Amino acid sequence: SASRSEDYFEKEHNYWIDYSHDSVYTSTHSEPILTIIVFAYNKPESLDRLLSSLQNIHGVRDRIDLVISVDKGHTGYYDVPTLAVSHKFIWEYGNKRVVLKKTHTGQLLQW
């Protein structure tokens, strides 16, 4: 259930970080040349479209990591469809991390 989702995540500062989604991407670069951060909150269809668009980039030769930051709802629960999109998405260009905010921060405080 959404209320127990934090059981699957490691505590780190004000976030829950899910490290279980590292890709099988291999690169000669040990550090990413770029990290893309996507903010998500209760809009799984929009998140799915955005992630699909990112997956369609061409000519990537270096490692690019992806962080999906999911905000907690006003009700104290995460949006289950948004979590599902975040976790099922496979990022082919580097490592993917899903970061769950422990409290609702809103759009302005996502950073």
PDB file of N, CA and C in Angstrom:
ATOM      1  N   SER A   1       0.838  -1.182   0.000  1.00  0.00           N
ATOM      2  CA  SER A   1       0.000   0.000   0.000  1.00  0.00           C
ATOM      3  C   SER A   1       0.873   1.232   0.000  1.00  0.00           C
ATOM      4  N   ALA A   2       0.315   2.350  -0.427  1.00  0.00           N
ATOM      5  CA  ALA A   2       1.081   3.584  -0.548  1.00  0.00           C
ATOM      6  C   ALA A   2       1.607   4.057   0.795  1.00  0.00           C
ATOM      7  N   SER A   3       0.855   3.845   1.859  1.00  0.00           N
ATOM      8  CA  SER A   3       1.289   4.334   3.162  1.00  0.00           C
ATOM      9  C   SER A   3       2.502   3.571   3.686  1.00  0.00           C
ATOM     10  N   ARG A   4       2.736   2.382   3.199  1.00  0.00           N
ATOM     11  CA  ARG A   4       3.861   1.586   3.639  1.00  0.00           C
ATOM     12  C   ARG A   4       5.016   1.634   2.653  1.00  0.00           C
ATOM     13  N   SER A   5       4.908   2.455   1.607  1.00  0.00           N
ATOM     14  CA  SER A   5       5.937   2.454   0.569  1.00  0.00           C
ATOM     15  C   SER A   5       7.309   2.825   1.106  1.00  0.00           C
ATOM     16  N   GLU A   6       7.358   3.608   2.195  1.00  0.00           N
ATOM     17  CA  GLU A   6       8.662   3.981   2.723  1.00  0.00           C
ATOM     18  C   GLU A   6       9.430   2.803   3.304  1.00  0.00           C
ATOM     19  N   ASP A   7       8.769   1.680   3.551  1.00  0.00           N
ATOM     20  CA  ASP A   7       9.468   0.491   4.035  1.00  0.00           C
ATOM     21  C   ASP A   7      10.526   0.007   3.043  1.00  0.00           C
ATOM     22  N   TYR A   8      10.376   0.338   1.788  1.00  0.00           N
ATOM     23  CA  TYR A   8      11.263  -0.159   0.746  1.00  0.00           C
ATOM     24  C   TYR A   8      12.419   0.791   0.449  1.00  0.00           C
ATOM     25  N   PHE A   9      12.519   1.863   1.182  1.00  0.00           N
ATOM     26  CA  PHE A   9      13.499   2.884   0.856  1.00  0.00           C
ATOM     27  C   PHE A   9      14.427   3.164   2.027  1.00  0.00           C
ATOM     28  N   GLU A  10      15.617   3.555   1.697  1.00  0.00           N
ATOM     29  CA  GLU A  10      16.629   3.877   2.693  1.00  0.00           C
ATOM     30  C   GLU A  10      16.482   5.340   3.092  1.00  0.00           C
ATOM     31  N   LYS A  11      16.545   5.624   4.385  1.00  0.00           N
ATOM     32  CA  LYS A  11      16.458   6.998   4.854  1.00  0.00           C
ATOM     33  C   LYS A  11      17.746   7.743   4.510  1.00  0.00           C
ATOM     34  N   GLU A  12      17.602   8.954   3.989  1.00  0.00           N
ATOM     35  CA  GLU A  12      18.762   9.807   3.761  1.00  0.00           C
ATOM     36  C   GLU A  12      18.294  11.256   3.832  1.00  0.00           C
ATOM     37  N   HIS A  13      18.650  11.952   4.882  1.00  0.00           N
ATOM     38  CA  HIS A  13      18.260  13.341   5.095  1.00  0.00           C
ATOM     39  C   HIS A  13      16.733  13.460   5.079  1.00  0.00           C
ATOM     40  N   ASN A  14      16.183  14.307   4.227  1.00  0.00           N
ATOM     41  CA  ASN A  14      14.733  14.498   4.174  1.00  0.00           C
ATOM     42  C   ASN A  14      14.090  13.715   3.047  1.00  0.00           C
ATOM     43  N   TYR A  15      14.758  12.721   2.561  1.00  0.00           N
ATOM     44  CA  TYR A  15      14.259  11.975   1.417  1.00  0.00           C
ATOM     45  C   TYR A  15      14.312  10.488   1.702  1.00  0.00           C
ATOM     46  N   TRP A  16      13.537   9.742   0.936  1.00  0.00           N
ATOM     47  CA  TRP A  16      13.683   8.297   0.865  1.00  0.00           C
ATOM     48  C   TRP A  16      14.275   8.040  -0.501  1.00  0.00           C
ATOM     49  N   ILE A  17      15.356   7.306  -0.555  1.00  0.00           N
ATOM     50  CA  ILE A  17      16.023   7.074  -1.823  1.00  0.00           C
ATOM     51  C   ILE A  17      15.976   5.597  -2.155  1.00  0.00           C
ATOM     52  N   ASP A  18      15.530   5.314  -3.348  1.00  0.00           N
ATOM     53  CA  ASP A  18      15.447   3.938  -3.820  1.00  0.00           C
ATOM     54  C   ASP A  18      16.638   3.693  -4.737  1.00  0.00           C
ATOM     55  N   TYR A  19      17.565   2.856  -4.301  1.00  0.00           N
ATOM     56  CA  TYR A  19      18.762   2.573  -5.086  1.00  0.00           C
ATOM     57  C   TYR A  19      18.633   1.303  -5.920  1.00  0.00           C
ATOM     58  N   SER A  20      17.469   0.727  -5.981  1.00  0.00           N
ATOM     59  CA  SER A  20      17.324  -0.588  -6.595  1.00  0.00           C
ATOM     60  C   SER A  20      17.172  -0.549  -8.110  1.00  0.00           C
ATOM     61  N   HIS A  21      17.269   0.606  -8.713  1.00  0.00           N
ATOM     62  CA  HIS A  21      16.984   0.693 -10.138  1.00  0.00           C
ATOM     63  C   HIS A  21      18.187   1.124 -10.971  1.00  0.00           C
ATOM     64  N   ASP A  22      19.382   0.723 -10.587  1.00  0.00           N
ATOM     65  CA  ASP A  22      20.535   1.021 -11.429  1.00  0.00           C
ATOM     66  C   ASP A  22      20.391   0.260 -12.738  1.00  0.00           C
ATOM     67  N   SER A  23      20.726   0.932 -13.803  1.00  0.00           N
ATOM     68  CA  SER A  23      20.584   0.307 -15.117  1.00  0.00           C
ATOM     69  C   SER A  23      21.759  -0.627 -15.376  1.00  0.00           C
ATOM     70  N   VAL A  24      21.687  -1.323 -16.469  1.00  0.00           N
ATOM     71  CA  VAL A  24      22.797  -2.183 -16.879  1.00  0.00           C
ATOM     72  C   VAL A  24      23.694  -1.447 -17.869  1.00  0.00           C
ATOM     73  N   TYR A  25      23.506  -0.138 -17.957  1.00  0.00           N
ATOM     74  CA  TYR A  25      24.287   0.695 -18.865  1.00  0.00           C
ATOM     75  C   TYR A  25      25.770   0.600 -18.516  1.00  0.00           C
ATOM     76  N   THR A  26      26.595   0.459 -19.524  1.00  0.00           N
ATOM     77  CA  THR A  26      28.037   0.460 -19.291  1.00  0.00           C
ATOM     78  C   THR A  26      28.650   1.612 -20.068  1.00  0.00           C
ATOM     79  N   SER A  27      29.593   2.267 -19.464  1.00  0.00           N
ATOM     80  CA  SER A  27      30.234   3.426 -20.070  1.00  0.00           C
ATOM     81  C   SER A  27      31.690   3.439 -19.666  1.00  0.00           C
ATOM     82  N   THR A  28      32.497   4.083 -20.476  1.00  0.00           N
ATOM     83  CA  THR A  28      33.901   4.247 -20.118  1.00  0.00           C
ATOM     84  C   THR A  28      34.065   5.388 -19.120  1.00  0.00           C
ATOM     85  N   HIS A  29      33.001   6.153 -18.873  1.00  0.00           N
ATOM     86  CA  HIS A  29      33.040   7.283 -17.945  1.00  0.00           C
ATOM     87  C   HIS A  29      32.498   6.839 -16.591  1.00  0.00           C
ATOM     88  N   SER A  30      33.293   7.059 -15.527  1.00  0.00           N
ATOM     89  CA  SER A  30      32.852   6.650 -14.203  1.00  0.00           C
ATOM     90  C   SER A  30      31.829   7.626 -13.631  1.00  0.00           C
ATOM     91  N   GLU A  31      31.879   8.877 -14.038  1.00  0.00           N
ATOM     92  CA  GLU A  31      30.943   9.894 -13.570  1.00  0.00           C
ATOM     93  C   GLU A  31      30.052  10.315 -14.730  1.00  0.00           C
ATOM     94  N   PRO A  32      28.782  10.633 -14.436  1.00  0.00           N
ATOM     95  CA  PRO A  32      27.910  11.084 -15.521  1.00  0.00           C
ATOM     96  C   PRO A  32      28.337  12.457 -16.024  1.00  0.00           C
ATOM     97  N   ILE A  33      28.136  12.703 -17.322  1.00  0.00           N
ATOM     98  CA  ILE A  33      28.411  14.039 -17.842  1.00  0.00           C
ATOM     99  C   ILE A  33      27.226  14.958 -17.584  1.00  0.00           C
ATOM    100  N   LEU A  34      26.078  14.341 -17.262  1.00  0.00           N
ATOM    101  CA  LEU A  34      24.857  15.095 -17.039  1.00  0.00           C
ATOM    102  C   LEU A  34      23.943  14.266 -16.140  1.00  0.00           C
ATOM    103  N   THR A  35      23.220  14.941 -15.257  1.00  0.00           N
ATOM    104  CA  THR A  35      22.168  14.294 -14.481  1.00  0.00           C
ATOM    105  C   THR A  35      20.878  15.051 -14.751  1.00  0.00           C
ATOM    106  N   ILE A  36      19.864  14.340 -15.209  1.00  0.00           N
ATOM    107  CA  ILE A  36      18.554  14.930 -15.456  1.00  0.00           C
ATOM    108  C   ILE A  36      17.696  14.668 -14.223  1.00  0.00           C
ATOM    109  N   ILE A  37      17.078  15.734 -13.704  1.00  0.00           N
ATOM    110  CA  ILE A  37      16.193  15.614 -12.545  1.00  0.00           C
ATOM    111  C   ILE A  37      14.777  15.932 -12.991  1.00  0.00           C
ATOM    112  N   VAL A  38      13.874  14.995 -12.733  1.00  0.00           N
ATOM    113  CA  VAL A  38      12.470  15.139 -13.098  1.00  0.00           C
ATOM    114  C   VAL A  38      11.665  15.198 -11.806  1.00  0.00           C
ATOM    115  N   PHE A  39      10.795  16.196 -11.681  1.00  0.00           N
ATOM    116  CA  PHE A  39       9.929  16.323 -10.521  1.00  0.00           C
ATOM    117  C   PHE A  39       8.555  15.766 -10.868  1.00  0.00           C
ATOM    118  N   ALA A  40       8.000  14.940  -9.982  1.00  0.00           N
ATOM    119  CA  ALA A  40       6.720  14.297 -10.253  1.00  0.00           C
ATOM    120  C   ALA A  40       5.776  14.452  -9.073  1.00  0.00           C
ATOM    121  N   TYR A  41       4.490  14.663  -9.397  1.00  0.00           N
ATOM    122  CA  TYR A  41       3.471  14.752  -8.360  1.00  0.00           C
ATOM    123  C   TYR A  41       2.100  14.503  -8.976  1.00  0.00           C
ATOM    124  N   ASN A  42       1.542  13.348  -8.729  1.00  0.00           N
ATOM    125  CA  ASN A  42       0.158  13.015  -9.055  1.00  0.00           C
ATOM    126  C   ASN A  42      -0.245  13.202 -10.520  1.00  0.00           C
ATOM    127  N   LYS A  43       0.685  13.101 -11.442  1.00  0.00           N
ATOM    128  CA  LYS A  43       0.352  13.184 -12.864  1.00  0.00           C
ATOM    129  C   LYS A  43       1.087  12.079 -13.618  1.00  0.00           C
ATOM    130  N   PRO A  44       0.672  10.833 -13.422  1.00  0.00           N
ATOM    131  CA  PRO A  44       1.408   9.714 -14.022  1.00  0.00           C
ATOM    132  C   PRO A  44       1.431   9.742 -15.547  1.00  0.00           C
ATOM    133  N   GLU A  45       0.355  10.214 -16.187  1.00  0.00           N
ATOM    134  CA  GLU A  45       0.333  10.248 -17.649  1.00  0.00           C
ATOM    135  C   GLU A  45       1.364  11.247 -18.176  1.00  0.00           C
ATOM    136  N   SER A  46       1.438  12.412 -17.542  1.00  0.00           N
ATOM    137  CA  SER A  46       2.424  13.420 -17.948  1.00  0.00           C
ATOM    138  C   SER A  46       3.844  12.925 -17.706  1.00  0.00           C
ATOM    139  N   LEU A  47       4.056  12.270 -16.573  1.00  0.00           N
ATOM    140  CA  LEU A  47       5.376  11.719 -16.260  1.00  0.00           C
ATOM    141  C   LEU A  47       5.769  10.668 -17.290  1.00  0.00           C
ATOM    142  N   ASP A  48       4.844   9.808 -17.649  1.00  0.00           N
ATOM    143  CA  ASP A  48       5.116   8.774 -18.643  1.00  0.00           C
ATOM    144  C   ASP A  48       5.494   9.380 -19.990  1.00  0.00           C
ATOM    145  N   ARG A  49       4.768  10.412 -20.415  1.00  0.00           N
ATOM    146  CA  ARG A  49       5.093  11.088 -21.682  1.00  0.00           C
ATOM    147  C   ARG A  49       6.481  11.726 -21.638  1.00  0.00           C
ATOM    148  N   LEU A  50       6.784  12.392 -20.529  1.00  0.00           N
ATOM    149  CA  LEU A  50       8.089  13.044 -20.387  1.00  0.00           C
ATOM    150  C   LEU A  50       9.224  12.022 -20.420  1.00  0.00           C
ATOM    151  N   LEU A  51       9.074  10.952 -19.650  1.00  0.00           N
ATOM    152  CA  LEU A  51      10.126   9.934 -19.607  1.00  0.00           C
ATOM    153  C   LEU A  51      10.296   9.253 -20.965  1.00  0.00           C
ATOM    154  N   SER A  52       9.202   9.012 -21.668  1.00  0.00           N
ATOM    155  CA  SER A  52       9.291   8.425 -23.011  1.00  0.00           C
ATOM    156  C   SER A  52      10.025   9.357 -23.960  1.00  0.00           C
ATOM    157  N   SER A  53       9.768  10.645 -23.839  1.00  0.00           N
ATOM    158  CA  SER A  53      10.472  11.620 -24.678  1.00  0.00           C
ATOM    159  C   SER A  53      11.967  11.620 -24.389  1.00  0.00           C
ATOM    160  N   LEU A  54      12.324  11.565 -23.110  1.00  0.00           N
ATOM    161  CA  LEU A  54      13.739  11.533 -22.748  1.00  0.00           C
ATOM    162  C   LEU A  54      14.419  10.275 -23.283  1.00  0.00           C
ATOM    163  N   GLN A  55      13.695   9.175 -23.285  1.00  0.00           N
ATOM    164  CA  GLN A  55      14.266   7.911 -23.757  1.00  0.00           C
ATOM    165  C   GLN A  55      14.557   7.943 -25.254  1.00  0.00           C
ATOM    166  N   ASN A  56      13.893   8.848 -25.974  1.00  0.00           N
ATOM    167  CA  ASN A  56      14.054   8.920 -27.428  1.00  0.00           C
ATOM    168  C   ASN A  56      15.164   9.844 -27.883  1.00  0.00           C
ATOM    169  N   ILE A  57      16.014  10.298 -26.969  1.00  0.00           N
ATOM    170  CA  ILE A  57      17.141  11.124 -27.402  1.00  0.00           C
ATOM    171  C   ILE A  57      18.114  10.261 -28.201  1.00  0.00           C
ATOM    172  N   HIS A  58      18.781  10.882 -29.139  1.00  0.00           N
ATOM    173  CA  HIS A  58      19.676  10.131 -30.032  1.00  0.00           C
ATOM    174  C   HIS A  58      21.114  10.623 -29.898  1.00  0.00           C
ATOM    175  N   GLY A  59      22.042   9.756 -30.178  1.00  0.00           N
ATOM    176  CA  GLY A  59      23.449  10.122 -30.211  1.00  0.00           C
ATOM    177  C   GLY A  59      24.132  10.173 -28.862  1.00  0.00           C
ATOM    178  N   VAL A  60      23.537   9.574 -27.857  1.00  0.00           N
ATOM    179  CA  VAL A  60      24.142   9.591 -26.524  1.00  0.00           C
ATOM    180  C   VAL A  60      25.283   8.585 -26.487  1.00  0.00           C
ATOM    181  N   ARG A  61      26.475   9.064 -26.178  1.00  0.00           N
ATOM    182  CA  ARG A  61      27.637   8.187 -26.076  1.00  0.00           C
ATOM    183  C   ARG A  61      28.208   8.188 -24.651  1.00  0.00           C
ATOM    184  N   ASP A  62      27.842   9.201 -23.879  1.00  0.00           N
ATOM    185  CA  ASP A  62      28.336   9.323 -22.512  1.00  0.00           C
ATOM    186  C   ASP A  62      27.226   9.005 -21.530  1.00  0.00           C
ATOM    187  N   ARG A  63      27.634   8.804 -20.307  1.00  0.00           N
ATOM    188  CA  ARG A  63      26.668   8.443 -19.260  1.00  0.00           C
ATOM    189  C   ARG A  63      25.845   9.655 -18.840  1.00  0.00           C
ATOM    190  N   ILE A  64      24.525   9.483 -18.819  1.00  0.00           N
ATOM    191  CA  ILE A  64      23.587  10.482 -18.322  1.00  0.00           C
ATOM    192  C   ILE A  64      22.716   9.792 -17.275  1.00  0.00           C
ATOM    193  N   ASP A  65      22.757  10.281 -16.058  1.00  0.00           N
ATOM    194  CA  ASP A  65      21.941   9.699 -14.997  1.00  0.00           C
ATOM    195  C   ASP A  65      20.597  10.408 -14.921  1.00  0.00           C
ATOM    196  N   LEU A  66      19.605   9.703 -14.381  1.00  0.00           N
ATOM    197  CA  LEU A  66      18.249  10.228 -14.252  1.00  0.00           C
ATOM    198  C   LEU A  66      17.801  10.106 -12.807  1.00  0.00           C
ATOM    199  N   VAL A  67      17.268  11.197 -12.261  1.00  0.00           N
ATOM    200  CA  VAL A  67      16.685  11.205 -10.924  1.00  0.00           C
ATOM    201  C   VAL A  67      15.224  11.613 -11.070  1.00  0.00           C
ATOM    202  N   ILE A  68      14.329  10.784 -10.551  1.00  0.00           N
ATOM    203  CA  ILE A  68      12.906  11.108 -10.538  1.00  0.00           C
ATOM    204  C   ILE A  68      12.541  11.408  -9.087  1.00  0.00           C
ATOM    205  N   SER A  69      12.191  12.654  -8.809  1.00  0.00           N
ATOM    206  CA  SER A  69      11.857  13.096  -7.461  1.00  0.00           C
ATOM    207  C   SER A  69      10.333  13.148  -7.340  1.00  0.00           C
ATOM    208  N   VAL A  70       9.780  12.287  -6.480  1.00  0.00           N
ATOM    209  CA  VAL A  70       8.327  12.177  -6.324  1.00  0.00           C
ATOM    210  C   VAL A  70       7.909  12.858  -5.024  1.00  0.00           C
ATOM    211  N   ASP A  71       7.037  13.846  -5.158  1.00  0.00           N
ATOM    212  CA  ASP A  71       6.547  14.580  -3.986  1.00  0.00           C
ATOM    213  C   ASP A  71       5.425  13.790  -3.315  1.00  0.00           C
ATOM    214  N   LYS A  72       5.372  13.873  -1.999  1.00  0.00           N
ATOM    215  CA  LYS A  72       4.315  13.216  -1.229  1.00  0.00           C
ATOM    216  C   LYS A  72       3.060  14.084  -1.279  1.00  0.00           C
ATOM    217  N   GLY A  73       1.906  13.471  -1.314  1.00  0.00           N
ATOM    218  CA  GLY A  73       0.645  14.204  -1.407  1.00  0.00           C
ATOM    219  C   GLY A  73       0.264  14.914  -0.122  1.00  0.00           C
ATOM    220  N   HIS A  74      -0.711  15.815  -0.234  1.00  0.00           N
ATOM    221  CA  HIS A  74      -1.243  16.525   0.934  1.00  0.00           C
ATOM    222  C   HIS A  74      -1.812  15.555   1.962  1.00  0.00           C
ATOM    223  N   THR A  75      -2.291  14.415   1.499  1.00  0.00           N
ATOM    224  CA  THR A  75      -2.916  13.428   2.373  1.00  0.00           C
ATOM    225  C   THR A  75      -1.905  12.602   3.157  1.00  0.00           C
ATOM    226  N   GLY A  76      -0.621  12.758   2.822  1.00  0.00           N
ATOM    227  CA  GLY A  76       0.411  11.966   3.493  1.00  0.00           C
ATOM    228  C   GLY A  76       0.769  10.689   2.764  1.00  0.00           C
ATOM    229  N   TYR A  77       0.176  10.479   1.592  1.00  0.00           N
ATOM    230  CA  TYR A  77       0.434   9.281   0.802  1.00  0.00           C
ATOM    231  C   TYR A  77       1.024   9.653  -0.549  1.00  0.00           C
ATOM    232  N   TYR A  78       1.759   8.729  -1.128  1.00  0.00           N
ATOM    233  CA  TYR A  78       2.260   8.899  -2.490  1.00  0.00           C
ATOM    234  C   TYR A  78       1.196   8.442  -3.469  1.00  0.00           C
ATOM    235  N   ASP A  79       1.176   9.056  -4.638  1.00  0.00           N
ATOM    236  CA  ASP A  79       0.262   8.648  -5.691  1.00  0.00           C
ATOM    237  C   ASP A  79       0.779   7.347  -6.297  1.00  0.00           C
ATOM    238  N   VAL A  80       0.023   6.265  -6.116  1.00  0.00           N
ATOM    239  CA  VAL A  80       0.471   4.937  -6.539  1.00  0.00           C
ATOM    240  C   VAL A  80       0.735   4.864  -8.045  1.00  0.00           C
ATOM    241  N   PRO A  81      -0.135   5.404  -8.915  1.00  0.00           N
ATOM    242  CA  PRO A  81       0.175   5.363 -10.354  1.00  0.00           C
ATOM    243  C   PRO A  81       1.469   6.098 -10.711  1.00  0.00           C
ATOM    244  N   THR A  82       1.745   7.217 -10.034  1.00  0.00           N
ATOM    245  CA  THR A  82       2.994   7.945 -10.279  1.00  0.00           C
ATOM    246  C   THR A  82       4.192   7.116  -9.851  1.00  0.00           C
ATOM    247  N   LEU A  83       4.085   6.456  -8.697  1.00  0.00           N
ATOM    248  CA  LEU A  83       5.166   5.569  -8.255  1.00  0.00           C
ATOM    249  C   LEU A  83       5.387   4.430  -9.246  1.00  0.00           C
ATOM    250  N   ALA A  84       4.297   3.882  -9.758  1.00  0.00           N
ATOM    251  CA  ALA A  84       4.406   2.770 -10.707  1.00  0.00           C
ATOM    252  C   ALA A  84       5.140   3.200 -11.965  1.00  0.00           C
ATOM    253  N   VAL A  85       4.797   4.357 -12.506  1.00  0.00           N
ATOM    254  CA  VAL A  85       5.478   4.865 -13.703  1.00  0.00           C
ATOM    255  C   VAL A  85       6.962   5.078 -13.402  1.00  0.00           C
ATOM    256  N   SER A  86       7.251   5.663 -12.252  1.00  0.00           N
ATOM    257  CA  SER A  86       8.642   5.947 -11.865  1.00  0.00           C
ATOM    258  C   SER A  86       9.473   4.679 -11.762  1.00  0.00           C
ATOM    259  N   HIS A  87       8.908   3.648 -11.158  1.00  0.00           N
ATOM    260  CA  HIS A  87       9.662   2.425 -10.911  1.00  0.00           C
ATOM    261  C   HIS A  87       9.762   1.523 -12.138  1.00  0.00           C
ATOM    262  N   LYS A  88       8.733   1.504 -12.967  1.00  0.00           N
ATOM    263  CA  LYS A  88       8.751   0.618 -14.139  1.00  0.00           C
ATOM    264  C   LYS A  88       9.624   1.150 -15.273  1.00  0.00           C
ATOM    265  N   PHE A  89       9.848   2.462 -15.299  1.00  0.00           N
ATOM    266  CA  PHE A  89      10.598   3.060 -16.396  1.00  0.00           C
ATOM    267  C   PHE A  89      12.047   2.568 -16.389  1.00  0.00           C
ATOM    268  N   ILE A  90      12.522   2.162 -17.540  1.00  0.00           N
ATOM    269  CA  ILE A  90      13.910   1.695 -17.690  1.00  0.00           C
ATOM    270  C   ILE A  90      14.702   2.777 -18.412  1.00  0.00           C
ATOM    271  N   TRP A  91      15.736   3.261 -17.758  1.00  0.00           N
ATOM    272  CA  TRP A  91      16.588   4.319 -18.308  1.00  0.00           C
ATOM    273  C   TRP A  91      17.819   3.671 -18.909  1.00  0.00           C
ATOM    274  N   GLU A  92      18.051   3.896 -20.180  1.00  0.00           N
ATOM    275  CA  GLU A  92      19.097   3.193 -20.914  1.00  0.00           C
ATOM    276  C   GLU A  92      20.452   3.906 -20.952  1.00  0.00           C
ATOM    277  N   TYR A  93      20.527   5.132 -20.449  1.00  0.00           N
ATOM    278  CA  TYR A  93      21.733   5.928 -20.660  1.00  0.00           C
ATOM    279  C   TYR A  93      22.594   6.121 -19.420  1.00  0.00           C
ATOM    280  N   GLY A  94      22.230   5.510 -18.317  1.00  0.00           N
ATOM    281  CA  GLY A  94      22.979   5.662 -17.068  1.00  0.00           C
ATOM    282  C   GLY A  94      22.161   5.092 -15.933  1.00  0.00           C
ATOM    283  N   ASN A  95      22.430   5.548 -14.729  1.00  0.00           N
ATOM    284  CA  ASN A  95      21.695   5.068 -13.557  1.00  0.00           C
ATOM    285  C   ASN A  95      20.427   5.876 -13.357  1.00  0.00           C
ATOM    286  N   LYS A  96      19.419   5.224 -12.811  1.00  0.00           N
ATOM    287  CA  LYS A  96      18.153   5.880 -12.470  1.00  0.00           C
ATOM    288  C   LYS A  96      17.954   5.756 -10.969  1.00  0.00           C
ATOM    289  N   ARG A  97      17.580   6.866 -10.347  1.00  0.00           N
ATOM    290  CA  ARG A  97      17.213   6.871  -8.930  1.00  0.00           C
ATOM    291  C   ARG A  97      15.821   7.453  -8.804  1.00  0.00           C
ATOM    292  N   VAL A  98      15.015   6.864  -7.949  1.00  0.00           N
ATOM    293  CA  VAL A  98      13.716   7.410  -7.603  1.00  0.00           C
ATOM    294  C   VAL A  98      13.827   7.938  -6.186  1.00  0.00           C
ATOM    295  N   VAL A  99      13.596   9.231  -6.020  1.00  0.00           N
ATOM    296  CA  VAL A  99      13.704   9.880  -4.717  1.00  0.00           C
ATOM    297  C   VAL A  99      12.300  10.244  -4.263  1.00  0.00           C
ATOM    298  N   LEU A 100      11.906   9.770  -3.095  1.00  0.00           N
ATOM    299  CA  LEU A 100      10.589  10.083  -2.553  1.00  0.00           C
ATOM    300  C   LEU A 100      10.736  11.113  -1.444  1.00  0.00           C
ATOM    301  N   LYS A 101      10.055  12.223  -1.586  1.00  0.00           N
ATOM    302  CA  LYS A 101      10.062  13.239  -0.531  1.00  0.00           C
ATOM    303  C   LYS A 101       9.299  12.689   0.668  1.00  0.00           C
ATOM    304  N   LYS A 102       9.809  12.910   1.865  1.00  0.00           N
ATOM    305  CA  LYS A 102       9.159  12.391   3.070  1.00  0.00           C
ATOM    306  C   LYS A 102       7.933  13.207   3.449  1.00  0.00           C
ATOM    307  N   THR A 103       7.884  14.449   3.010  1.00  0.00           N
ATOM    308  CA  THR A 103       6.731  15.307   3.274  1.00  0.00           C
ATOM    309  C   THR A 103       6.348  16.005   1.977  1.00  0.00           C
ATOM    310  N   HIS A 104       5.135  16.541   1.928  1.00  0.00           N
ATOM    311  CA  HIS A 104       4.698  17.296   0.754  1.00  0.00           C
ATOM    312  C   HIS A 104       5.449  18.618   0.728  1.00  0.00           C
ATOM    313  N   THR A 105       6.172  18.876  -0.349  1.00  0.00           N
ATOM    314  CA  THR A 105       6.945  20.109  -0.446  1.00  0.00           C
ATOM    315  C   THR A 105       6.361  21.093  -1.438  1.00  0.00           C
ATOM    316  N   GLY A 106       5.602  20.625  -2.396  1.00  0.00           N
ATOM    317  CA  GLY A 106       5.054  21.517  -3.411  1.00  0.00           C
ATOM    318  C   GLY A 106       6.084  21.811  -4.482  1.00  0.00           C
ATOM    319  N   GLN A 107       5.616  22.416  -5.548  1.00  0.00           N
ATOM    320  CA  GLN A 107       6.454  22.650  -6.729  1.00  0.00           C
ATOM    321  C   GLN A 107       7.651  23.552  -6.428  1.00  0.00           C
ATOM    322  N   LEU A 108       7.456  24.605  -5.662  1.00  0.00           N
ATOM    323  CA  LEU A 108       8.540  25.537  -5.421  1.00  0.00           C
ATOM    324  C   LEU A 108       9.654  24.980  -4.558  1.00  0.00           C
ATOM    325  N   LEU A 109       9.349  24.026  -3.694  1.00  0.00           N
ATOM    326  CA  LEU A 109      10.359  23.494  -2.787  1.00  0.00           C
ATOM    327  C   LEU A 109      10.929  22.147  -3.242  1.00  0.00           C
ATOM    328  N   GLN A 110      10.583  21.691  -4.432  1.00  0.00           N
ATOM    329  CA  GLN A 110      11.114  20.424  -4.936  1.00  0.00           C
ATOM    330  C   GLN A 110      12.635  20.451  -5.035  1.00  0.00           C
ATOM    331  N   TRP A 111      13.217  21.585  -5.309  1.00  0.00           N
ATOM    332  CA  TRP A 111      14.676  21.674  -5.455  1.00  0.00           C
ATOM    333  C   TRP A 111      15.328  21.385  -4.138  1.00  0.00           C
TER     334      TRP A 111
END
